C-alpha atoms as a PDB file:
ATOM      1  CA  MET A   1      -0.189  -0.030   0.302  1.00  0.00           C
ATOM      2  CA  SER A   2       1.301   3.558  -1.041  1.00  0.00           C
ATOM      3  CA  ASP A   3       1.994   6.046   1.571  1.00  0.00           C
ATOM      4  CA  PHE A   4      -0.197   8.803   1.298  1.00  0.00           C
ATOM      5  CA  ILE A   5      -2.252  12.011   2.599  1.00  0.00           C
ATOM      6  CA  PHE A   6      -6.093  12.332   1.937  1.00  0.00           C
ATOM      7  CA  PRO A   7      -7.556  16.170   2.174  1.00  0.00           C
ATOM      8  CA  PHE A   8     -10.740  16.401   2.280  1.00  0.00           C
ATOM      9  CA  VAL A   9     -13.401  19.020   3.756  1.00  0.00           C
ATOM     10  CA  PHE A  10     -17.109  18.946   5.032  1.00  0.00           C
ATOM     11  CA  LYS A  11     -19.596  20.376   2.351  1.00  0.00           C
ATOM     12  CA  ASN A  12     -22.064  22.160   4.680  1.00  0.00           C
ATOM     13  CA  ALA A  13     -19.726  22.678   7.888  1.00  0.00           C
ATOM     14  CA  ASN A  14     -16.863  24.961   7.939  1.00  0.00           C
ATOM     15  CA  VAL A  15     -14.444  22.026   8.906  1.00  0.00           C
ATOM     16  CA  ARG A  16     -11.531  20.478   6.857  1.00  0.00           C
ATOM     17  CA  GLY A  17      -9.971  17.288   7.407  1.00  0.00           C
ATOM     18  CA  ARG A  18      -6.970  14.972   6.575  1.00  0.00           C
ATOM     19  CA  PHE A  19      -6.201  11.126   6.673  1.00  0.00           C
ATOM     20  CA  ILE A  20      -2.773   9.861   6.603  1.00  0.00           C
ATOM     21  CA  HIS A  21      -1.336   6.363   6.232  1.00  0.00           C
ATOM     22  CA  LEU A  22       2.377   5.225   6.338  1.00  0.00           C
ATOM     23  CA  ASP A  23       4.130   2.029   6.071  1.00  0.00           C
ATOM     24  CA  GLN A  24       7.053   2.121   3.587  1.00  0.00           C
ATOM     25  CA  VAL A  25       8.270   5.702   4.897  1.00  0.00           C
ATOM     26  CA  ILE A  26       8.458   4.024   8.348  1.00  0.00           C
ATOM     27  CA  GLU A  27      10.518   0.977   6.950  1.00  0.00           C
ATOM     28  CA  ASP A  28      12.909   3.223   5.072  1.00  0.00           C
ATOM     29  CA  CYS A  29      13.383   5.664   8.112  1.00  0.00           C
ATOM     30  CA  PHE A  30      14.341   2.775  10.250  1.00  0.00           C
ATOM     31  CA  GLU A  31      16.191   0.589   7.861  1.00  0.00           C
ATOM     32  CA  ASN A  32      19.951   1.712   8.700  1.00  0.00           C
ATOM     33  CA  HIS A  33      18.994   2.267  12.414  1.00  0.00           C
ATOM     34  CA  GLU A  34      18.681   0.144  15.562  1.00  0.00           C
ATOM     35  CA  TYR A  35      15.937   2.505  17.248  1.00  0.00           C
ATOM     36  CA  SER A  36      14.232   1.089  20.438  1.00  0.00           C
ATOM     37  CA  PRO A  37      10.279   0.421  20.328  1.00  0.00           C
ATOM     38  CA  VAL A  38      10.039   3.652  22.594  1.00  0.00           C
ATOM     39  CA  VAL A  39      11.686   5.342  20.203  1.00  0.00           C
ATOM     40  CA  LYS A  40      10.138   4.111  17.018  1.00  0.00           C
ATOM     41  CA  SER A  41       6.690   4.960  18.400  1.00  0.00           C
ATOM     42  CA  ILE A  42       7.630   8.462  18.838  1.00  0.00           C
ATOM     43  CA  MET A  43       9.223   8.754  15.612  1.00  0.00           C
ATOM     44  CA  ILE A  44       6.150   7.328  13.825  1.00  0.00           C
ATOM     45  CA  ARG A  45       4.011   9.880  15.262  1.00  0.00           C
ATOM     46  CA  SER A  46       6.300  12.498  14.519  1.00  0.00           C
ATOM     47  CA  LEU A  47       6.354  11.443  10.610  1.00  0.00           C
ATOM     48  CA  LEU A  48       2.276  11.571  10.713  1.00  0.00           C
ATOM     49  CA  TYR A  49       2.544  15.113  12.135  1.00  0.00           C
ATOM     50  CA  SER A  50       5.235  16.150   9.662  1.00  0.00           C
ATOM     51  CA  VAL A  51       2.807  14.931   6.328  1.00  0.00           C
ATOM     52  CA  LEU A  52      -0.072  16.441   8.344  1.00  0.00           C
ATOM     53  CA  PHE A  53       1.422  19.888   9.203  1.00  0.00           C
ATOM     54  CA  SER A  54       3.136  20.073   5.394  1.00  0.00           C
ATOM     55  CA  SER A  55      -0.263  19.539   3.843  1.00  0.00           C
ATOM     56  CA  LEU A  56      -1.637  22.640   5.578  1.00  0.00           C
ATOM     57  CA  VAL A  57       1.089  24.697   4.299  1.00  0.00           C
ATOM     58  CA  LYS A  58       0.886  25.020   0.539  1.00  0.00           C
ATOM     59  CA  ILE A  59       4.165  26.779  -0.485  1.00  0.00           C
ATOM     60  CA  ASP A  60       7.509  25.226  -1.594  1.00  0.00           C
ATOM     61  CA  ALA A  61       9.443  25.035   1.512  1.00  0.00           C
ATOM     62  CA  VAL A  62      11.425  22.648   3.846  1.00  0.00           C
ATOM     63  CA  MET A  63       9.171  21.872   6.966  1.00  0.00           C
ATOM     64  CA  THR A  64      10.766  20.602  10.231  1.00  0.00           C
ATOM     65  CA  PHE A  65       9.099  18.838  13.088  1.00  0.00           C
ATOM     66  CA  GLN A  66      11.281  18.725  16.073  1.00  0.00           C
ATOM     67  CA  ILE A  67      11.054  17.562  19.804  1.00  0.00           C
ATOM     68  CA  GLN A  68      13.850  18.530  21.905  1.00  0.00           C
ATOM     69  CA  ASN A  69      14.798  18.268  25.579  1.00  0.00           C
ATOM     70  CA  PRO A  70      18.687  18.366  26.609  1.00  0.00           C
ATOM     71  CA  ASP A  71      17.488  17.171  30.334  1.00  0.00           C
ATOM     72  CA  SER A  72      15.696  13.981  28.892  1.00  0.00           C
ATOM     73  CA  LEU A  73      16.443  10.743  27.904  1.00  0.00           C
ATOM     74  CA  LEU A  74      15.407  11.478  24.502  1.00  0.00           C
ATOM     75  CA  LYS A  75      17.417  14.499  23.334  1.00  0.00           C
ATOM     76  CA  LEU A  76      16.319  15.407  19.899  1.00  0.00           C
ATOM     77  CA  MET A  77      13.947  14.058  17.203  1.00  0.00           C
ATOM     78  CA  VAL A  78      13.740  15.715  14.145  1.00  0.00           C
ATOM     79  CA  SER A  79      11.333  14.755  11.329  1.00  0.00           C
ATOM     80  CA  GLU A  80      11.888  16.999   7.816  1.00  0.00           C
ATOM     81  CA  ILE A  81       9.861  17.219   4.632  1.00  0.00           C
ATOM     82  CA  TYR A  82      10.335  18.707   1.605  1.00  0.00           C
ATOM     83  CA  GLN A  83       8.645  19.456  -1.913  1.00  0.00           C
ATOM     84  CA  GLN A  84       5.419  18.468   0.134  1.00  0.00           C
ATOM     85  CA  LYS A  85       6.123  14.779  -0.392  1.00  0.00           C
ATOM     86  CA  PHE A  86       9.463  13.755   0.633  1.00  0.00           C
ATOM     87  CA  ILE A  87      10.242  12.975   4.145  1.00  0.00           C
ATOM     88  CA  ARG A  88      13.136  11.943   6.252  1.00  0.00           C
ATOM     89  CA  ALA A  89      13.840  11.496  10.236  1.00  0.00           C
ATOM     90  CA  PHE A  90      16.331  10.631  12.827  1.00  0.00           C
ATOM     91  CA  CYS A  91      16.400  10.664  16.537  1.00  0.00           C
ATOM     92  CA  ARG A  92      19.113  11.189  19.143  1.00  0.00           C
ATOM     93  CA  TYR A  93      18.702   9.376  22.766  1.00  0.00           C
ATOM     94  CA  GLU A  94      20.279   8.023  25.581  1.00  0.00           C
ATOM     95  CA  ASP A  95      21.187   4.117  25.118  1.00  0.00           C
ATOM     96  CA  VAL A  96      19.044   3.354  28.467  1.00  0.00           C
ATOM     97  CA  LEU A  97      16.143   3.750  26.027  1.00  0.00           C
ATOM     98  CA  ASP A  98      16.937   0.661  24.277  1.00  0.00           C
ATOM     99  CA  GLU A  99      16.011  -1.376  27.431  1.00  0.00           C
ATOM    100  CA  ALA A 100      13.486   0.833  29.187  1.00  0.00           C
ATOM    101  CA  VAL A 101       9.862   0.992  29.047  1.00  0.00           C
ATOM    102  CA  ILE A 102       8.982   4.494  29.493  1.00  0.00           C
ATOM    103  CA  ASP A 103       5.451   6.446  29.466  1.00  0.00           C
ATOM    104  CA  PHE A 104       5.097   9.354  27.033  1.00  0.00           C
ATOM    105  CA  LYS A 105       4.776  11.973  30.126  1.00  0.00           C
ATOM    106  CA  SER A 106       7.914  10.875  31.888  1.00  0.00           C
ATOM    107  CA  LEU A 107       9.922  11.085  28.700  1.00  0.00           C
ATOM    108  CA  LEU A 108       8.566  14.262  26.747  1.00  0.00           C
ATOM    109  CA  ASP A 109       7.368  16.335  29.677  1.00  0.00           C
ATOM    110  CA  GLY A 110       8.760  19.823  29.449  1.00  0.00           C
ATOM    111  CA  ALA A 111      10.415  19.239  25.968  1.00  0.00           C
ATOM    112  CA  LEU A 112       9.701  21.784  23.240  1.00  0.00           C
ATOM    113  CA  LEU A 113       7.959  21.034  20.217  1.00  0.00           C
ATOM    114  CA  SER A 114       8.392  23.233  17.010  1.00  0.00           C
ATOM    115  CA  PHE A 115       7.465  23.366  13.391  1.00  0.00           C
ATOM    116  CA  THR A 116       9.699  25.016  11.102  1.00  0.00           C
ATOM    117  CA  VAL A 117       8.605  26.176   7.796  1.00  0.00           C
ATOM    118  CA  ASP A 118      11.732  27.603   5.694  1.00  0.00           C
ATOM    119  CA  PRO A 119      10.493  28.778   2.095  1.00  0.00           C
ATOM    120  CA  THR A 120      12.615  27.952  -1.095  1.00  0.00           C
ATOM    121  CA  ASP A 121      11.692  31.404  -2.332  1.00  0.00           C
ATOM    122  CA  ASP A 122      13.611  34.136  -0.375  1.00  0.00           C
ATOM    123  CA  LYS A 123      11.122  36.811  -0.508  1.00  0.00           C
ATOM    124  CA  LEU A 124       8.954  34.653   1.649  1.00  0.00           C
ATOM    125  CA  LYS A 125       9.759  34.941   5.615  1.00  0.00           C
ATOM    126  CA  ARG A 126      10.755  31.778   7.686  1.00  0.00           C
ATOM    127  CA  TYR A 127       8.117  30.701  10.106  1.00  0.00           C
ATOM    128  CA  GLN A 128       8.404  28.789  13.441  1.00  0.00           C
ATOM    129  CA  GLY A 129       6.108  27.887  15.871  1.00  0.00           C
ATOM    130  CA  VAL A 130       6.857  26.064  19.153  1.00  0.00           C
ATOM    131  CA  ILE A 131       5.268  24.956  22.638  1.00  0.00           C
ATOM    132  CA  LYS A 132       6.343  23.085  25.481  1.00  0.00           C
ATOM    133  CA  ILE A 133       4.822  19.776  26.107  1.00  0.00           C
ATOM    134  CA  ASN A 134       2.742  19.335  29.096  1.00  0.00           C
ATOM    135  CA  HIS A 135       0.573  16.323  28.082  1.00  0.00           C
ATOM    136  CA  ASP A 136       0.140  12.844  28.849  1.00  0.00           C
ATOM    137  CA  ASN A 137       0.136  11.874  25.092  1.00  0.00           C
ATOM    138  CA  PHE A 138       1.564  13.231  21.871  1.00  0.00           C
ATOM    139  CA  ASP A 139      -1.910  13.603  20.086  1.00  0.00           C
ATOM    140  CA  ASP A 140      -2.796  16.286  22.606  1.00  0.00           C
ATOM    141  CA  ALA A 141       0.457  17.917  22.705  1.00  0.00           C
ATOM    142  CA  VAL A 142      -0.116  18.621  18.801  1.00  0.00           C
ATOM    143  CA  GLN A 143      -3.481  19.732  19.406  1.00  0.00           C
ATOM    144  CA  GLU A 144      -2.398  22.298  21.503  1.00  0.00           C
ATOM    145  CA  TYR A 145       0.059  23.480  19.325  1.00  0.00           C
ATOM    146  CA  PHE A 146      -2.705  24.162  16.549  1.00  0.00           C
ATOM    147  CA  LEU A 147      -4.585  26.017  19.313  1.00  0.00           C
ATOM    148  CA  ALA A 148      -1.408  28.037  20.515  1.00  0.00           C
ATOM    149  CA  SER A 149       0.273  28.769  17.388  1.00  0.00           C
ATOM    150  CA  GLU A 150      -2.457  28.492  14.656  1.00  0.00           C
ATOM    151  CA  GLN A 151      -5.432  29.521  16.899  1.00  0.00           C
ATOM    152  CA  SER A 152      -7.532  26.723  15.403  1.00  0.00           C
ATOM    153  CA  GLU A 153      -9.309  24.314  16.959  1.00  0.00           C
ATOM    154  CA  THR A 154      -8.200  20.671  15.857  1.00  0.00           C
ATOM    155  CA  LYS A 155      -8.746  17.043  16.905  1.00  0.00           C
ATOM    156  CA  ILE A 156      -6.166  14.404  15.997  1.00  0.00           C
ATOM    157  CA  LYS A 157      -6.217  10.699  16.326  1.00  0.00           C
ATOM    158  CA  THR A 158      -3.326   8.619  15.486  1.00  0.00           C
ATOM    159  CA  SER A 159      -2.545   4.546  15.444  1.00  0.00           C
ATOM    160  CA  ILE A 160       0.254   2.479  15.119  1.00  0.00           C
ATOM    161  CA  ARG A 161      -0.057  -1.192  14.412  1.00  0.00           C
ATOM    162  CA  VAL A 162       2.792  -3.650  14.367  1.00  0.00           C
ATOM    163  CA  ASN A 163       3.131  -6.674  12.014  1.00  0.00           C
ATOM    164  CA  ASN A 164       5.206  -9.472  13.733  1.00  0.00           C
ATOM    165  CA  ASN A 165       7.075 -10.543  10.677  1.00  0.00           C
ATOM    166  CA  LEU A 166      10.284 -12.412  10.538  1.00  0.00           C
ATOM    167  CA  PRO A 167      12.982 -11.410  11.013  1.00  0.00           C
ATOM    168  CA  GLN A 168      11.973  -8.261  12.461  1.00  0.00           C
ATOM    169  CA  PRO A 169       8.585  -6.501  12.908  1.00  0.00           C
ATOM    170  CA  THR A 170       7.114  -4.020  10.254  1.00  0.00           C
ATOM    171  CA  TYR A 171       4.641  -1.048  10.997  1.00  0.00           C
ATOM    172  CA  GLU A 172       2.009   1.004   9.582  1.00  0.00           C
ATOM    173  CA  ALA A 173       0.330   4.025  10.719  1.00  0.00           C
ATOM    174  CA  SER A 174      -2.652   6.161  10.506  1.00  0.00           C
ATOM    175  CA  CYS A 175      -3.630  10.031  11.563  1.00  0.00           C
ATOM    176  CA  LEU A 176      -7.153  11.399  10.958  1.00  0.00           C
ATOM    177  CA  MET A 177      -7.258  15.512  11.858  1.00  0.00           C
ATOM    178  CA  ILE A 178     -10.593  17.456  11.522  1.00  0.00           C
ATOM    179  CA  GLN A 179      -9.806  21.550  11.826  1.00  0.00           C
ATOM    180  CA  LYS A 180     -12.326  24.472  12.598  1.00  0.00           C
ATOM    181  CA  LEU A 181     -12.018  27.013   9.840  1.00  0.00           C
ATOM    182  CA  PRO A 182     -12.607  30.851  10.592  1.00  0.00           C
ATOM    183  CA  LYS A 183     -16.156  31.796   9.938  1.00  0.00           C
ATOM    184  CA  THR A 184     -17.274  33.051   6.829  1.00  0.00           C
ATOM    185  CA  GLN A 185     -19.810  35.961   6.346  1.00  0.00           C
ATOM    186  CA  ILE A 186     -22.472  33.349   4.909  1.00  0.00           C
ATOM    187  CA  GLN A 187     -22.080  30.761   7.990  1.00  0.00           C
ATOM    188  CA  LYS A 188     -24.218  31.550  10.922  1.00  0.00           C
ATOM    189  CA  ASP A 189     -23.969  28.507  13.392  1.00  0.00           C
ATOM    190  CA  ILE A 190     -20.204  27.475  13.104  1.00  0.00           C
ATOM    191  CA  GLU A 191     -20.093  26.200  16.711  1.00  0.00           C
ATOM    192  CA  SER A 192     -22.820  23.698  16.435  1.00  0.00           C
ATOM    193  CA  ASP A 193     -21.200  22.243  13.010  1.00  0.00           C
ATOM    194  CA  TRP A 194     -18.010  22.019  14.739  1.00  0.00           C
ATOM    195  CA  ASP A 195     -19.657  20.163  17.619  1.00  0.00           C
ATOM    196  CA  ARG A 196     -21.824  17.986  15.825  1.00  0.00           C
ATOM    197  CA  VAL A 197     -18.440  16.595  13.476  1.00  0.00           C
ATOM    198  CA  SER A 198     -16.560  16.376  16.715  1.00  0.00           C
ATOM    199  CA  ILE A 199     -19.032  13.930  18.031  1.00  0.00           C
ATOM    200  CA  PHE A 200     -18.845  11.508  15.412  1.00  0.00           C
ATOM    201  CA  PHE A 201     -15.035  11.901  15.473  1.00  0.00           C
ATOM    202  CA  ASP A 202     -14.659  10.999  19.000  1.00  0.00           C
ATOM    203  CA  THR A 203     -16.642   7.818  18.428  1.00  0.00           C
ATOM    204  CA  ILE A 204     -13.321   7.048  16.087  1.00  0.00           C
ATOM    205  CA  GLU A 205     -11.040   3.963  17.711  1.00  0.00           C
ATOM    206  CA  ASP A 206      -7.866   2.348  16.343  1.00  0.00           C
ATOM    207  CA  LYS A 207      -9.717  -0.287  14.565  1.00  0.00           C
ATOM    208  CA  ASP A 208     -11.672   2.332  12.642  1.00  0.00           C
ATOM    209  CA  LEU A 209      -8.260   3.920  11.481  1.00  0.00           C
ATOM    210  CA  ALA A 210      -6.911   0.508  10.167  1.00  0.00           C
ATOM    211  CA  LYS A 211     -10.043   0.401   7.976  1.00  0.00           C
ATOM    212  CA  MET A 212      -9.789   3.683   7.043  1.00  0.00           C
ATOM    213  CA  SER A 213      -6.268   2.741   5.820  1.00  0.00           C
ATOM    214  CA  LYS A 214      -7.465  -0.032   3.401  1.00  0.00           C
ATOM    215  CA  ASP A 215     -10.755   1.974   2.058  1.00  0.00           C
ATOM    216  CA  TYR A 216     -10.869   5.638   3.274  1.00  0.00           C
ATOM    217  CA  ALA A 217     -12.933   6.524   0.504  1.00  0.00           C
ATOM    218  CA  SER A 218     -15.540   4.639   1.616  1.00  0.00           C
ATOM    219  CA  TYR A 219     -15.150   4.278   5.599  1.00  0.00           C
ATOM    220  CA  LEU A 220     -14.996   8.226   6.297  1.00  0.00           C
ATOM    221  CA  PRO A 221     -18.485   9.015   4.665  1.00  0.00           C
ATOM    222  CA  MET A 222     -19.722   5.899   7.229  1.00  0.00           C
ATOM    223  CA  ILE A 223     -18.035   7.830  10.218  1.00  0.00           C
ATOM    224  CA  PHE A 224     -19.214  11.080   9.189  1.00  0.00           C
ATOM    225  CA  SER A 225     -22.553   9.922   8.230  1.00  0.00           C
ATOM    226  CA  GLU A 226     -24.595  13.184   8.830  1.00  0.00           C
ATOM    227  CA  ASP A 227     -22.343  15.662   6.540  1.00  0.00           C
ATOM    228  CA  GLU A 228     -21.325  15.027   3.253  1.00  0.00           C
ATOM    229  CA  LEU A 229     -17.703  14.984   2.624  1.00  0.00           C
ATOM    230  CA  VAL A 230     -15.869  16.799  -0.563  1.00  0.00           C
ATOM    231  CA  ALA A 231     -12.703  15.122  -1.235  1.00  0.00           C
ATOM    232  CA  PHE A 232      -9.612  15.800  -3.090  1.00  0.00           C
ATOM    233  CA  ASP A 233      -6.839  14.093  -5.012  1.00  0.00           C
ATOM    234  CA  LYS A 234      -4.709  11.551  -2.843  1.00  0.00           C
ATOM    235  CA  GLU A 235      -1.149  13.081  -2.747  1.00  0.00           C
ATOM    236  CA  ASN A 236       1.618  10.330  -2.066  1.00  0.00           C
ATOM    237  CA  VAL A 237       4.494  10.535   0.409  1.00  0.00           C
ATOM    238  CA  PHE A 238       7.915   9.007  -0.171  1.00  0.00           C
ATOM    239  CA  TYR A 239      11.183   8.693   1.895  1.00  0.00           C
ATOM    240  CA  ARG A 240      14.327  10.448   0.617  1.00  0.00           C
ATOM    241  CA  CYS A 241      17.118  11.741   2.444  1.00  0.00           C
ATOM    242  CA  ARG A 242      18.683  14.854   1.213  1.00  0.00           C
ATOM    243  CA  CYS A 243      22.203  14.289   1.898  1.00  0.00           C
ATOM    244  CA  SER A 244      24.911  14.361  -0.504  1.00  0.00           C
ATOM    245  CA  LEU A 245      28.771  14.818  -1.065  1.00  0.00           C
ATOM    246  CA  GLU A 246      27.848  18.438  -2.162  1.00  0.00           C
ATOM    247  CA  LYS A 247      26.509  19.331   1.160  1.00  0.00           C
ATOM    248  CA  ILE A 248      28.816  17.375   3.105  1.00  0.00           C
ATOM    249  CA  TYR A 249      31.549  19.880   1.387  1.00  0.00           C
ATOM    250  CA  GLN A 250      29.682  22.680   2.232  1.00  0.00           C
ATOM    251  CA  ILE A 251      29.242  21.799   5.955  1.00  0.00           C
ATOM    252  CA  LEU A 252      33.220  20.997   6.273  1.00  0.00           C
ATOM    253  CA  GLU A 253      33.631  24.379   4.558  1.00  0.00           C
ATOM    254  CA  GLN A 254      31.320  25.868   7.323  1.00  0.00           C
ATOM    255  CA  MET A 255      33.325  24.407  10.059  1.00  0.00           C
ATOM    256  CA  ASN A 256      36.647  25.349   8.612  1.00  0.00           C
ATOM    257  CA  ILE A 257      37.817  21.593   8.155  1.00  0.00           C
ATOM    258  CA  GLU A 258      39.705  20.483   5.131  1.00  0.00           C
ATOM    259  CA  PRO A 259      38.625  17.062   4.521  1.00  0.00           C
ATOM    260  CA  ASP A 260      41.212  14.333   3.474  1.00  0.00           C
ATOM    261  CA  GLU A 261      40.958  10.477   2.677  1.00  0.00           C
ATOM    262  CA  GLU A 262      40.823   9.796   6.242  1.00  0.00           C
ATOM    263  CA  THR A 263      37.426  11.933   6.950  1.00  0.00           C
ATOM    264  CA  GLN A 264      34.473  10.265   7.521  1.00  0.00           C
ATOM    265  CA  ILE A 265      30.968  11.466   8.116  1.00  0.00           C
ATOM    266  CA  LYS A 266      27.950   9.503   8.735  1.00  0.00           C
ATOM    267  CA  CYS A 267      24.448  10.948   7.901  1.00  0.00           C
ATOM    268  CA  GLU A 268      22.125  11.154  10.927  1.00  0.00           C
ATOM    269  CA  TYR A 269      18.987  10.610   8.889  1.00  0.00           C
ATOM    270  CA  CYS A 270      19.834   7.941   6.426  1.00  0.00           C
ATOM    271  CA  GLY A 271      22.800   6.370   8.007  1.00  0.00           C
ATOM    272  CA  ARG A 272      25.060   6.682   4.690  1.00  0.00           C
ATOM    273  CA  VAL A 273      28.725   6.888   5.542  1.00  0.00           C
ATOM    274  CA  TYR A 274      30.698   9.224   3.448  1.00  0.00           C
ATOM    275  CA  GLU A 275      34.623   8.684   3.517  1.00  0.00           C
ATOM    276  CA  GLY A 276      37.715   9.736   1.574  1.00  0.00           C
ATOM    277  CA  ILE A 277      35.615  12.630   0.727  1.00  0.00           C
ATOM    278  CA  ASP A 278      38.565  14.849  -0.295  1.00  0.00           C
ATOM    279  CA  LYS A 279      37.750  16.859  -3.309  1.00  0.00           C
ATOM    280  CA  ALA A 280      40.696  15.243  -5.384  1.00  0.00           C
ATOM    281  CA  THR A 281      38.965  11.589  -5.038  1.00  0.00           C
ATOM    282  CA  GLY A 282      35.292  12.514  -5.154  1.00  0.00           C
ATOM    283  CA  GLY A 283      34.505  10.571  -2.008  1.00  0.00           C
ATOM    284  CA  GLN A 284      32.639   7.142  -1.368  1.00  0.00           C
ATOM    285  CA  VAL A 285      29.359   6.448  -0.013  1.00  0.00           C
ATOM    286  CA  HIS A 286      28.596   3.342   1.960  1.00  0.00           C
END
């Protein structure tokens, strides 16, 4: 199944929605890393949120979803999406998380959650929204971000499913979002519309998100049975790292480091190792 985002709006309510499904992107992000289960859970949700956020910003930009807390076992988690369809991610954390079972609050309480938009057009300004996480789960934290940074009432549900395949498990994940849009001149009762849609949203369970992944076009109208949905084209998402020898050269130049045949740099995102990267030889990738 392809990884995708499905945008839709409610025809007679000032509400928009997004449904996201990821599987191959998750496997590609984890391919060259040995992340622990607790780290994988946070990263998978971060990938979902990155795709969600980028779908709401219709400009060409590099968009970064980040969790940072130097005082926590989970130091830094970054998920980056560009051209609104290519995504990559990495995480830095203490090795103790490889064996520990830690709940969300104890791991991320007090961390900073940020979403940054770096437009490719120099005429557009860079944007960043930041909140401090004070919640028991990730979805609530992201909902607060939308309310605090975007002044938008938003509801989000995510679900992660583990397929216990050999030699190692694989993952698939879903995210459903609804968001109240600003009132227009022709709309008189926007609050009751939002309340009605929210009631149906609150009934959704993990099993429903799994069914949507297989047939979202049929299942979403069944959930929101009192409203007519207007669907837009499904947009596919792919894993792709932006690292390259050229960018490695640029980083080394900024750090005033002259590379030679002994120089070795590993990309934190994809795990590629660049070695022998002096400009004379052109370098190698492993």
